[in-house]
Amino acid sequence: MERENLPKIIALCEQFNIPVTWLTVGHLFLQSCTKIDGISHPELPRLPHFENEWWRFEGKDWFEYDPGTDYRKDPLWYCPDLIELILQSKVKHEIGCHTF
């Protein structure tokens, strides 16, 4: 759906000269990633389990669900093509990183 809609949104922005601030997680900039010993991004720190009066985190982090493939096989995890579409727009959009 994103790959169908984003070109239309970009075209409208160009037609009406409307810049947009796009916020995305940094992982979407990647074309691919590889698991090392079954772990995605082992160099990145993991959130430890914790508990307070509002939240109890016992689960696994999102890295465990990272497929460790590429944007052609798992396009929901990687979208360098969409990032490039935004960057190549005639309107100067802004891209904000919402962490990795």
PDB file of N, CA and C in Angstrom:
ATOM      1  N   MET A   1       0.826  -1.187   0.000  1.00  0.00           N
ATOM      2  CA  MET A   1       0.000   0.000   0.000  1.00  0.00           C
ATOM      3  C   MET A   1       0.870   1.251   0.000  1.00  0.00           C
ATOM      4  N   GLU A   2       1.972   1.256   0.789  1.00  0.00           N
ATOM      5  CA  GLU A   2       2.845   2.428   0.843  1.00  0.00           C
ATOM      6  C   GLU A   2       3.447   2.718  -0.523  1.00  0.00           C
ATOM      7  N   ARG A   3       3.864   1.656  -1.217  1.00  0.00           N
ATOM      8  CA  ARG A   3       4.499   1.844  -2.519  1.00  0.00           C
ATOM      9  C   ARG A   3       3.501   2.279  -3.573  1.00  0.00           C
ATOM     10  N   GLU A   4       2.252   2.049  -3.342  1.00  0.00           N
ATOM     11  CA  GLU A   4       1.204   2.531  -4.253  1.00  0.00           C
ATOM     12  C   GLU A   4       0.837   3.982  -3.936  1.00  0.00           C
ATOM     13  N   ASN A   5       0.749   4.323  -2.662  1.00  0.00           N
ATOM     14  CA  ASN A   5       0.262   5.641  -2.261  1.00  0.00           C
ATOM     15  C   ASN A   5       1.318   6.733  -2.232  1.00  0.00           C
ATOM     16  N   LEU A   6       2.534   6.402  -1.849  1.00  0.00           N
ATOM     17  CA  LEU A   6       3.544   7.447  -1.703  1.00  0.00           C
ATOM     18  C   LEU A   6       3.805   8.207  -3.010  1.00  0.00           C
ATOM     19  N   PRO A   7       3.927   7.550  -4.166  1.00  0.00           N
ATOM     20  CA  PRO A   7       4.109   8.319  -5.397  1.00  0.00           C
ATOM     21  C   PRO A   7       2.957   9.301  -5.665  1.00  0.00           C
ATOM     22  N   LYS A   8       1.754   8.917  -5.312  1.00  0.00           N
ATOM     23  CA  LYS A   8       0.602   9.806  -5.494  1.00  0.00           C
ATOM     24  C   LYS A   8       0.698  11.012  -4.557  1.00  0.00           C
ATOM     25  N   ILE A   9       1.101  10.770  -3.319  1.00  0.00           N
ATOM     26  CA  ILE A   9       1.240  11.865  -2.352  1.00  0.00           C
ATOM     27  C   ILE A   9       2.360  12.809  -2.793  1.00  0.00           C
ATOM     28  N   ILE A  10       3.478  12.239  -3.236  1.00  0.00           N
ATOM     29  CA  ILE A  10       4.599  13.059  -3.711  1.00  0.00           C
ATOM     30  C   ILE A  10       4.156  13.902  -4.906  1.00  0.00           C
ATOM     31  N   ALA A  11       3.412  13.315  -5.827  1.00  0.00           N
ATOM     32  CA  ALA A  11       2.933  14.054  -7.011  1.00  0.00           C
ATOM     33  C   ALA A  11       2.029  15.216  -6.597  1.00  0.00           C
ATOM     34  N   LEU A  12       1.156  14.995  -5.622  1.00  0.00           N
ATOM     35  CA  LEU A  12       0.297  16.086  -5.134  1.00  0.00           C
ATOM     36  C   LEU A  12       1.114  17.182  -4.464  1.00  0.00           C
ATOM     37  N   CYS A  13       2.103  16.779  -3.695  1.00  0.00           N
ATOM     38  CA  CYS A  13       2.984  17.770  -3.053  1.00  0.00           C
ATOM     39  C   CYS A  13       3.693  18.607  -4.105  1.00  0.00           C
ATOM     40  N   GLU A  14       4.134  17.964  -5.171  1.00  0.00           N
ATOM     41  CA  GLU A  14       4.802  18.697  -6.236  1.00  0.00           C
ATOM     42  C   GLU A  14       3.823  19.603  -6.981  1.00  0.00           C
ATOM     43  N   GLN A  15       2.621  19.098  -7.230  1.00  0.00           N
ATOM     44  CA  GLN A  15       1.617  19.891  -7.942  1.00  0.00           C
ATOM     45  C   GLN A  15       1.274  21.175  -7.194  1.00  0.00           C
ATOM     46  N   PHE A  16       1.167  21.081  -5.872  1.00  0.00           N
ATOM     47  CA  PHE A  16       0.760  22.229  -5.065  1.00  0.00           C
ATOM     48  C   PHE A  16       1.922  22.853  -4.276  1.00  0.00           C
ATOM     49  N   ASN A  17       3.135  22.380  -4.545  1.00  0.00           N
ATOM     50  CA  ASN A  17       4.342  22.892  -3.895  1.00  0.00           C
ATOM     51  C   ASN A  17       4.238  22.851  -2.364  1.00  0.00           C
ATOM     52  N   ILE A  18       3.934  21.674  -1.863  1.00  0.00           N
ATOM     53  CA  ILE A  18       3.752  21.476  -0.423  1.00  0.00           C
ATOM     54  C   ILE A  18       4.874  20.583   0.111  1.00  0.00           C
ATOM     55  N   PRO A  19       5.776  21.124   0.915  1.00  0.00           N
ATOM     56  CA  PRO A  19       6.791  20.274   1.536  1.00  0.00           C
ATOM     57  C   PRO A  19       6.201  19.543   2.747  1.00  0.00           C
ATOM     58  N   VAL A  20       6.713  18.363   2.977  1.00  0.00           N
ATOM     59  CA  VAL A  20       6.242  17.527   4.077  1.00  0.00           C
ATOM     60  C   VAL A  20       7.437  17.120   4.930  1.00  0.00           C
ATOM     61  N   THR A  21       7.227  17.010   6.222  1.00  0.00           N
ATOM     62  CA  THR A  21       8.222  16.416   7.098  1.00  0.00           C
ATOM     63  C   THR A  21       7.835  14.955   7.283  1.00  0.00           C
ATOM     64  N   TRP A  22       8.665  14.081   6.786  1.00  0.00           N
ATOM     65  CA  TRP A  22       8.435  12.643   6.878  1.00  0.00           C
ATOM     66  C   TRP A  22       9.234  12.111   8.060  1.00  0.00           C
ATOM     67  N   LEU A  23       8.599  11.377   8.929  1.00  0.00           N
ATOM     68  CA  LEU A  23       9.302  10.735  10.043  1.00  0.00           C
ATOM     69  C   LEU A  23       9.314   9.238   9.795  1.00  0.00           C
ATOM     70  N   THR A  24      10.471   8.659   9.910  1.00  0.00           N
ATOM     71  CA  THR A  24      10.599   7.235   9.656  1.00  0.00           C
ATOM     72  C   THR A  24      11.627   6.645  10.606  1.00  0.00           C
ATOM     73  N   VAL A  25      11.508   5.385  10.844  1.00  0.00           N
ATOM     74  CA  VAL A  25      12.546   4.704  11.622  1.00  0.00           C
ATOM     75  C   VAL A  25      13.737   4.457  10.699  1.00  0.00           C
ATOM     76  N   GLY A  26      14.924   4.545  11.251  1.00  0.00           N
ATOM     77  CA  GLY A  26      16.133   4.415  10.469  1.00  0.00           C
ATOM     78  C   GLY A  26      16.272   3.091   9.741  1.00  0.00           C
ATOM     79  N   HIS A  27      15.690   2.042  10.270  1.00  0.00           N
ATOM     80  CA  HIS A  27      15.800   0.724   9.649  1.00  0.00           C
ATOM     81  C   HIS A  27      15.228   0.721   8.236  1.00  0.00           C
ATOM     82  N   LEU A  28      14.265   1.589   7.967  1.00  0.00           N
ATOM     83  CA  LEU A  28      13.650   1.631   6.645  1.00  0.00           C
ATOM     84  C   LEU A  28      14.603   2.170   5.583  1.00  0.00           C
ATOM     85  N   PHE A  29      15.695   2.831   5.987  1.00  0.00           N
ATOM     86  CA  PHE A  29      16.677   3.325   5.037  1.00  0.00           C
ATOM     87  C   PHE A  29      17.516   2.186   4.449  1.00  0.00           C
ATOM     88  N   LEU A  30      17.551   1.064   5.128  1.00  0.00           N
ATOM     89  CA  LEU A  30      18.399  -0.054   4.700  1.00  0.00           C
ATOM     90  C   LEU A  30      17.832  -0.761   3.473  1.00  0.00           C
ATOM     91  N   GLN A  31      18.738  -1.221   2.610  1.00  0.00           N
ATOM     92  CA  GLN A  31      18.321  -2.080   1.494  1.00  0.00           C
ATOM     93  C   GLN A  31      18.191  -3.521   1.970  1.00  0.00           C
ATOM     94  N   SER A  32      18.998  -3.863   2.953  1.00  0.00           N
ATOM     95  CA  SER A  32      18.981  -5.226   3.488  1.00  0.00           C
ATOM     96  C   SER A  32      19.745  -5.246   4.800  1.00  0.00           C
ATOM     97  N   CYS A  33      19.645  -6.348   5.494  1.00  0.00           N
ATOM     98  CA  CYS A  33      20.504  -6.600   6.644  1.00  0.00           C
ATOM     99  C   CYS A  33      20.629  -8.107   6.807  1.00  0.00           C
ATOM    100  N   THR A  34      21.650  -8.506   7.499  1.00  0.00           N
ATOM    101  CA  THR A  34      21.955  -9.924   7.658  1.00  0.00           C
ATOM    102  C   THR A  34      22.034 -10.259   9.137  1.00  0.00           C
ATOM    103  N   LYS A  35      21.486 -11.401   9.489  1.00  0.00           N
ATOM    104  CA  LYS A  35      21.602 -11.861  10.873  1.00  0.00           C
ATOM    105  C   LYS A  35      22.979 -12.488  11.073  1.00  0.00           C
ATOM    106  N   ILE A  36      23.574 -12.218  12.204  1.00  0.00           N
ATOM    107  CA  ILE A  36      24.861 -12.803  12.562  1.00  0.00           C
ATOM    108  C   ILE A  36      24.611 -13.736  13.735  1.00  0.00           C
ATOM    109  N   ASP A  37      24.890 -15.003  13.521  1.00  0.00           N
ATOM    110  CA  ASP A  37      24.588 -16.035  14.529  1.00  0.00           C
ATOM    111  C   ASP A  37      23.120 -15.972  14.943  1.00  0.00           C
ATOM    112  N   GLY A  38      22.246 -15.696  13.966  1.00  0.00           N
ATOM    113  CA  GLY A  38      20.809 -15.660  14.222  1.00  0.00           C
ATOM    114  C   GLY A  38      20.297 -14.383  14.859  1.00  0.00           C
ATOM    115  N   ILE A  39      21.160 -13.363  14.985  1.00  0.00           N
ATOM    116  CA  ILE A  39      20.776 -12.123  15.653  1.00  0.00           C
ATOM    117  C   ILE A  39      20.895 -10.953  14.682  1.00  0.00           C
ATOM    118  N   SER A  40      19.835 -10.176  14.551  1.00  0.00           N
ATOM    119  CA  SER A  40      19.879  -8.965  13.728  1.00  0.00           C
ATOM    120  C   SER A  40      20.528  -7.839  14.516  1.00  0.00           C
ATOM    121  N   HIS A  41      21.444  -7.171  13.892  1.00  0.00           N
ATOM    122  CA  HIS A  41      22.104  -5.996  14.472  1.00  0.00           C
ATOM    123  C   HIS A  41      22.664  -6.270  15.874  1.00  0.00           C
ATOM    124  N   PRO A  42      23.530  -7.273  16.004  1.00  0.00           N
ATOM    125  CA  PRO A  42      24.050  -7.607  17.337  1.00  0.00           C
ATOM    126  C   PRO A  42      24.887  -6.487  17.953  1.00  0.00           C
ATOM    127  N   GLU A  43      25.341  -5.544  17.128  1.00  0.00           N
ATOM    128  CA  GLU A  43      26.157  -4.438  17.645  1.00  0.00           C
ATOM    129  C   GLU A  43      25.331  -3.396  18.388  1.00  0.00           C
ATOM    130  N   LEU A  44      24.013  -3.440  18.243  1.00  0.00           N
ATOM    131  CA  LEU A  44      23.153  -2.450  18.900  1.00  0.00           C
ATOM    132  C   LEU A  44      22.728  -2.921  20.280  1.00  0.00           C
ATOM    133  N   PRO A  45      22.702  -2.000  21.245  1.00  0.00           N
ATOM    134  CA  PRO A  45      22.291  -2.394  22.600  1.00  0.00           C
ATOM    135  C   PRO A  45      20.825  -2.794  22.651  1.00  0.00           C
ATOM    136  N   ARG A  46      20.524  -3.705  23.514  1.00  0.00           N
ATOM    137  CA  ARG A  46      19.156  -4.179  23.708  1.00  0.00           C
ATOM    138  C   ARG A  46      18.595  -3.584  24.977  1.00  0.00           C
ATOM    139  N   LEU A  47      17.308  -3.394  24.976  1.00  0.00           N
ATOM    140  CA  LEU A  47      16.616  -2.892  26.148  1.00  0.00           C
ATOM    141  C   LEU A  47      16.506  -4.015  27.180  1.00  0.00           C
ATOM    142  N   PRO A  48      16.959  -3.796  28.383  1.00  0.00           N
ATOM    143  CA  PRO A  48      16.821  -4.851  29.395  1.00  0.00           C
ATOM    144  C   PRO A  48      15.374  -4.936  29.877  1.00  0.00           C
ATOM    145  N   HIS A  49      15.029  -6.063  30.434  1.00  0.00           N
ATOM    146  CA  HIS A  49      13.698  -6.199  31.029  1.00  0.00           C
ATOM    147  C   HIS A  49      13.601  -5.246  32.220  1.00  0.00           C
ATOM    148  N   PHE A  50      12.444  -4.633  32.361  1.00  0.00           N
ATOM    149  CA  PHE A  50      12.254  -3.702  33.468  1.00  0.00           C
ATOM    150  C   PHE A  50      10.783  -3.660  33.856  1.00  0.00           C
ATOM    151  N   GLU A  51      10.554  -3.071  35.005  1.00  0.00           N
ATOM    152  CA  GLU A  51       9.184  -2.940  35.502  1.00  0.00           C
ATOM    153  C   GLU A  51       9.101  -1.658  36.324  1.00  0.00           C
ATOM    154  N   ASN A  52       7.988  -0.939  36.140  1.00  0.00           N
ATOM    155  CA  ASN A  52       7.680   0.197  36.993  1.00  0.00           C
ATOM    156  C   ASN A  52       6.172   0.192  37.234  1.00  0.00           C
ATOM    157  N   GLU A  53       5.628   1.237  37.818  1.00  0.00           N
ATOM    158  CA  GLU A  53       4.199   1.212  38.150  1.00  0.00           C
ATOM    159  C   GLU A  53       3.299   1.272  36.921  1.00  0.00           C
ATOM    160  N   TRP A  54       3.825   1.666  35.747  1.00  0.00           N
ATOM    161  CA  TRP A  54       3.009   1.790  34.542  1.00  0.00           C
ATOM    162  C   TRP A  54       3.277   0.713  33.495  1.00  0.00           C
ATOM    163  N   TRP A  55       4.425   0.085  33.571  1.00  0.00           N
ATOM    164  CA  TRP A  55       4.803  -0.814  32.488  1.00  0.00           C
ATOM    165  C   TRP A  55       5.655  -1.959  33.002  1.00  0.00           C
ATOM    166  N   ARG A  56       5.460  -3.104  32.424  1.00  0.00           N
ATOM    167  CA  ARG A  56       6.282  -4.273  32.736  1.00  0.00           C
ATOM    168  C   ARG A  56       6.782  -4.846  31.423  1.00  0.00           C
ATOM    169  N   PHE A  57       8.048  -4.647  31.160  1.00  0.00           N
ATOM    170  CA  PHE A  57       8.633  -5.132  29.911  1.00  0.00           C
ATOM    171  C   PHE A  57       9.345  -6.445  30.163  1.00  0.00           C
ATOM    172  N   GLU A  58       8.744  -7.516  29.668  1.00  0.00           N
ATOM    173  CA  GLU A  58       9.342  -8.844  29.775  1.00  0.00           C
ATOM    174  C   GLU A  58       9.585  -9.448  28.409  1.00  0.00           C
ATOM    175  N   GLY A  59       9.071  -8.766  27.392  1.00  0.00           N
ATOM    176  CA  GLY A  59       9.089  -9.330  26.051  1.00  0.00           C
ATOM    177  C   GLY A  59      10.421  -9.235  25.353  1.00  0.00           C
ATOM    178  N   LYS A  60      10.351  -9.584  24.124  1.00  0.00           N
ATOM    179  CA  LYS A  60      11.514  -9.535  23.254  1.00  0.00           C
ATOM    180  C   LYS A  60      11.494  -8.209  22.504  1.00  0.00           C
ATOM    181  N   ASP A  61      12.666  -7.746  22.105  1.00  0.00           N
ATOM    182  CA  ASP A  61      12.700  -6.495  21.345  1.00  0.00           C
ATOM    183  C   ASP A  61      12.375  -6.750  19.877  1.00  0.00           C
ATOM    184  N   TRP A  62      12.175  -5.672  19.121  1.00  0.00           N
ATOM    185  CA  TRP A  62      11.767  -5.807  17.734  1.00  0.00           C
ATOM    186  C   TRP A  62      12.842  -6.437  16.871  1.00  0.00           C
ATOM    187  N   PHE A  63      14.105  -6.373  17.289  1.00  0.00           N
ATOM    188  CA  PHE A  63      15.181  -6.949  16.497  1.00  0.00           C
ATOM    189  C   PHE A  63      14.942  -8.438  16.234  1.00  0.00           C
ATOM    190  N   GLU A  64      14.305  -9.097  17.158  1.00  0.00           N
ATOM    191  CA  GLU A  64      14.063 -10.534  16.997  1.00  0.00           C
ATOM    192  C   GLU A  64      13.128 -10.821  15.837  1.00  0.00           C
ATOM    193  N   TYR A  65      12.329  -9.835  15.456  1.00  0.00           N
ATOM    194  CA  TYR A  65      11.374 -10.018  14.375  1.00  0.00           C
ATOM    195  C   TYR A  65      11.916  -9.538  13.036  1.00  0.00           C
ATOM    196  N   ASP A  66      13.044  -8.840  13.065  1.00  0.00           N
ATOM    197  CA  ASP A  66      13.699  -8.380  11.847  1.00  0.00           C
ATOM    198  C   ASP A  66      14.032  -9.619  11.011  1.00  0.00           C
ATOM    199  N   PRO A  67      13.536  -9.690   9.776  1.00  0.00           N
ATOM    200  CA  PRO A  67      13.746 -10.905   8.995  1.00  0.00           C
ATOM    201  C   PRO A  67      15.183 -11.112   8.514  1.00  0.00           C
ATOM    202  N   GLY A  68      16.009 -10.051   8.541  1.00  0.00           N
ATOM    203  CA  GLY A  68      17.387 -10.213   8.084  1.00  0.00           C
ATOM    204  C   GLY A  68      17.464 -10.549   6.610  1.00  0.00           C
ATOM    205  N   THR A  69      16.636  -9.883   5.800  1.00  0.00           N
ATOM    206  CA  THR A  69      16.594 -10.154   4.364  1.00  0.00           C
ATOM    207  C   THR A  69      16.851  -8.856   3.599  1.00  0.00           C
ATOM    208  N   ASP A  70      15.985  -8.545   2.628  1.00  0.00           N
ATOM    209  CA  ASP A  70      16.135  -7.311   1.867  1.00  0.00           C
ATOM    210  C   ASP A  70      14.764  -6.740   1.504  1.00  0.00           C
ATOM    211  N   TYR A  71      14.805  -5.558   0.872  1.00  0.00           N
ATOM    212  CA  TYR A  71      13.545  -4.859   0.616  1.00  0.00           C
ATOM    213  C   TYR A  71      12.690  -5.538  -0.458  1.00  0.00           C
ATOM    214  N   ARG A  72      13.274  -6.376  -1.282  1.00  0.00           N
ATOM    215  CA  ARG A  72      12.464  -7.099  -2.281  1.00  0.00           C
ATOM    216  C   ARG A  72      11.703  -8.260  -1.634  1.00  0.00           C
ATOM    217  N   LYS A  73      12.345  -8.920  -0.701  1.00  0.00           N
ATOM    218  CA  LYS A  73      11.702 -10.062  -0.042  1.00  0.00           C
ATOM    219  C   LYS A  73      10.761  -9.610   1.074  1.00  0.00           C
ATOM    220  N   ASP A  74      11.168  -8.628   1.865  1.00  0.00           N
ATOM    221  CA  ASP A  74      10.377  -8.137   2.992  1.00  0.00           C
ATOM    222  C   ASP A  74      10.242  -6.613   2.918  1.00  0.00           C
ATOM    223  N   PRO A  75       9.415  -6.115   1.992  1.00  0.00           N
ATOM    224  CA  PRO A  75       9.331  -4.670   1.757  1.00  0.00           C
ATOM    225  C   PRO A  75       8.762  -3.851   2.914  1.00  0.00           C
ATOM    226  N   LEU A  76       8.179  -4.479   3.891  1.00  0.00           N
ATOM    227  CA  LEU A  76       7.678  -3.725   5.044  1.00  0.00           C
ATOM    228  C   LEU A  76       8.790  -3.391   6.035  1.00  0.00           C
ATOM    229  N   TRP A  77       9.919  -4.074   5.926  1.00  0.00           N
ATOM    230  CA  TRP A  77      11.035  -3.863   6.856  1.00  0.00           C
ATOM    231  C   TRP A  77      12.094  -2.930   6.304  1.00  0.00           C
ATOM    232  N   TYR A  78      12.106  -2.737   4.983  1.00  0.00           N
ATOM    233  CA  TYR A  78      13.125  -1.917   4.332  1.00  0.00           C
ATOM    234  C   TYR A  78      12.448  -1.142   3.198  1.00  0.00           C
ATOM    235  N   CYS A  79      12.797   0.126   3.038  1.00  0.00           N
ATOM    236  CA  CYS A  79      12.194   0.863   1.915  1.00  0.00           C
ATOM    237  C   CYS A  79      13.111   1.968   1.396  1.00  0.00           C
ATOM    238  N   PRO A  80      14.332   1.615   1.004  1.00  0.00           N
ATOM    239  CA  PRO A  80      15.215   2.635   0.453  1.00  0.00           C
ATOM    240  C   PRO A  80      14.647   3.265  -0.812  1.00  0.00           C
ATOM    241  N   ASP A  81      13.818   2.527  -1.523  1.00  0.00           N
ATOM    242  CA  ASP A  81      13.185   3.057  -2.735  1.00  0.00           C
ATOM    243  C   ASP A  81      12.236   4.210  -2.403  1.00  0.00           C
ATOM    244  N   LEU A  82      11.519   4.095  -1.305  1.00  0.00           N
ATOM    245  CA  LEU A  82      10.594   5.166  -0.920  1.00  0.00           C
ATOM    246  C   LEU A  82      11.359   6.367  -0.368  1.00  0.00           C
ATOM    247  N   ILE A  83      12.403   6.114   0.375  1.00  0.00           N
ATOM    248  CA  ILE A  83      13.235   7.205   0.886  1.00  0.00           C
ATOM    249  C   ILE A  83      13.820   7.976  -0.292  1.00  0.00           C
ATOM    250  N   GLU A  84      14.302   7.255  -1.292  1.00  0.00           N
ATOM    251  CA  GLU A  84      14.876   7.892  -2.481  1.00  0.00           C
ATOM    252  C   GLU A  84      13.819   8.695  -3.239  1.00  0.00           C
ATOM    253  N   LEU A  85      12.604   8.200  -3.318  1.00  0.00           N
ATOM    254  CA  LEU A  85      11.506   8.923  -3.968  1.00  0.00           C
ATOM    255  C   LEU A  85      11.268  10.277  -3.286  1.00  0.00           C
ATOM    256  N   ILE A  86      11.292  10.282  -1.975  1.00  0.00           N
ATOM    257  CA  ILE A  86      11.122  11.526  -1.217  1.00  0.00           C
ATOM    258  C   ILE A  86      12.295  12.473  -1.499  1.00  0.00           C
ATOM    259  N   LEU A  87      13.506  11.933  -1.467  1.00  0.00           N
ATOM    260  CA  LEU A  87      14.692  12.762  -1.674  1.00  0.00           C
ATOM    261  C   LEU A  87      14.765  13.353  -3.086  1.00  0.00           C
ATOM    262  N   GLN A  88      14.245  12.639  -4.064  1.00  0.00           N
ATOM    263  CA  GLN A  88      14.314  13.093  -5.454  1.00  0.00           C
ATOM    264  C   GLN A  88      13.154  14.005  -5.845  1.00  0.00           C
ATOM    265  N   SER A  89      12.226  14.251  -4.951  1.00  0.00           N
ATOM    266  CA  SER A  89      11.077  15.100  -5.243  1.00  0.00           C
ATOM    267  C   SER A  89      11.520  16.515  -5.608  1.00  0.00           C
ATOM    268  N   LYS A  90      10.740  17.163  -6.465  1.00  0.00           N
ATOM    269  CA  LYS A  90      11.008  18.562  -6.844  1.00  0.00           C
ATOM    270  C   LYS A  90      10.780  19.498  -5.661  1.00  0.00           C
ATOM    271  N   VAL A  91       9.952  19.076  -4.732  1.00  0.00           N
ATOM    272  CA  VAL A  91       9.702  19.844  -3.510  1.00  0.00           C
ATOM    273  C   VAL A  91      10.732  19.380  -2.477  1.00  0.00           C
ATOM    274  N   LYS A  92      11.312  20.286  -1.756  1.00  0.00           N
ATOM    275  CA  LYS A  92      12.328  19.939  -0.762  1.00  0.00           C
ATOM    276  C   LYS A  92      11.663  19.503   0.538  1.00  0.00           C
ATOM    277  N   HIS A  93      11.455  18.196   0.647  1.00  0.00           N
ATOM    278  CA  HIS A  93      10.867  17.624   1.848  1.00  0.00           C
ATOM    279  C   HIS A  93      11.945  17.468   2.917  1.00  0.00           C
ATOM    280  N   GLU A  94      11.502  17.204   4.112  1.00  0.00           N
ATOM    281  CA  GLU A  94      12.404  16.972   5.237  1.00  0.00           C
ATOM    282  C   GLU A  94      12.165  15.545   5.724  1.00  0.00           C
ATOM    283  N   ILE A  95      13.241  14.851   6.056  1.00  0.00           N
ATOM    284  CA  ILE A  95      13.111  13.488   6.599  1.00  0.00           C
ATOM    285  C   ILE A  95      13.675  13.500   8.015  1.00  0.00           C
ATOM    286  N   GLY A  96      12.843  13.146   8.968  1.00  0.00           N
ATOM    287  CA  GLY A  96      13.252  13.061  10.362  1.00  0.00           C
ATOM    288  C   GLY A  96      13.429  11.602  10.748  1.00  0.00           C
ATOM    289  N   CYS A  97      14.470  11.311  11.463  1.00  0.00           N
ATOM    290  CA  CYS A  97      14.732   9.931  11.890  1.00  0.00           C
ATOM    291  C   CYS A  97      14.078   9.710  13.264  1.00  0.00           C
ATOM    292  N   HIS A  98      13.259   8.717  13.334  1.00  0.00           N
ATOM    293  CA  HIS A  98      12.541   8.360  14.546  1.00  0.00           C
ATOM    294  C   HIS A  98      13.226   7.142  15.174  1.00  0.00           C
ATOM    295  N   THR A  99      14.527   7.255  15.377  1.00  0.00           N
ATOM    296  CA  THR A  99      15.426   6.224  15.902  1.00  0.00           C
ATOM    297  C   THR A  99      15.614   5.098  14.895  1.00  0.00           C
ATOM    298  N   PHE A 100      16.385   4.116  15.265  1.00  0.00           N
ATOM    299  CA  PHE A 100      16.644   2.999  14.375  1.00  0.00           C
ATOM    300  C   PHE A 100      15.538   1.991  14.535  1.00  0.00           C
TER     301      PHE A 100
END
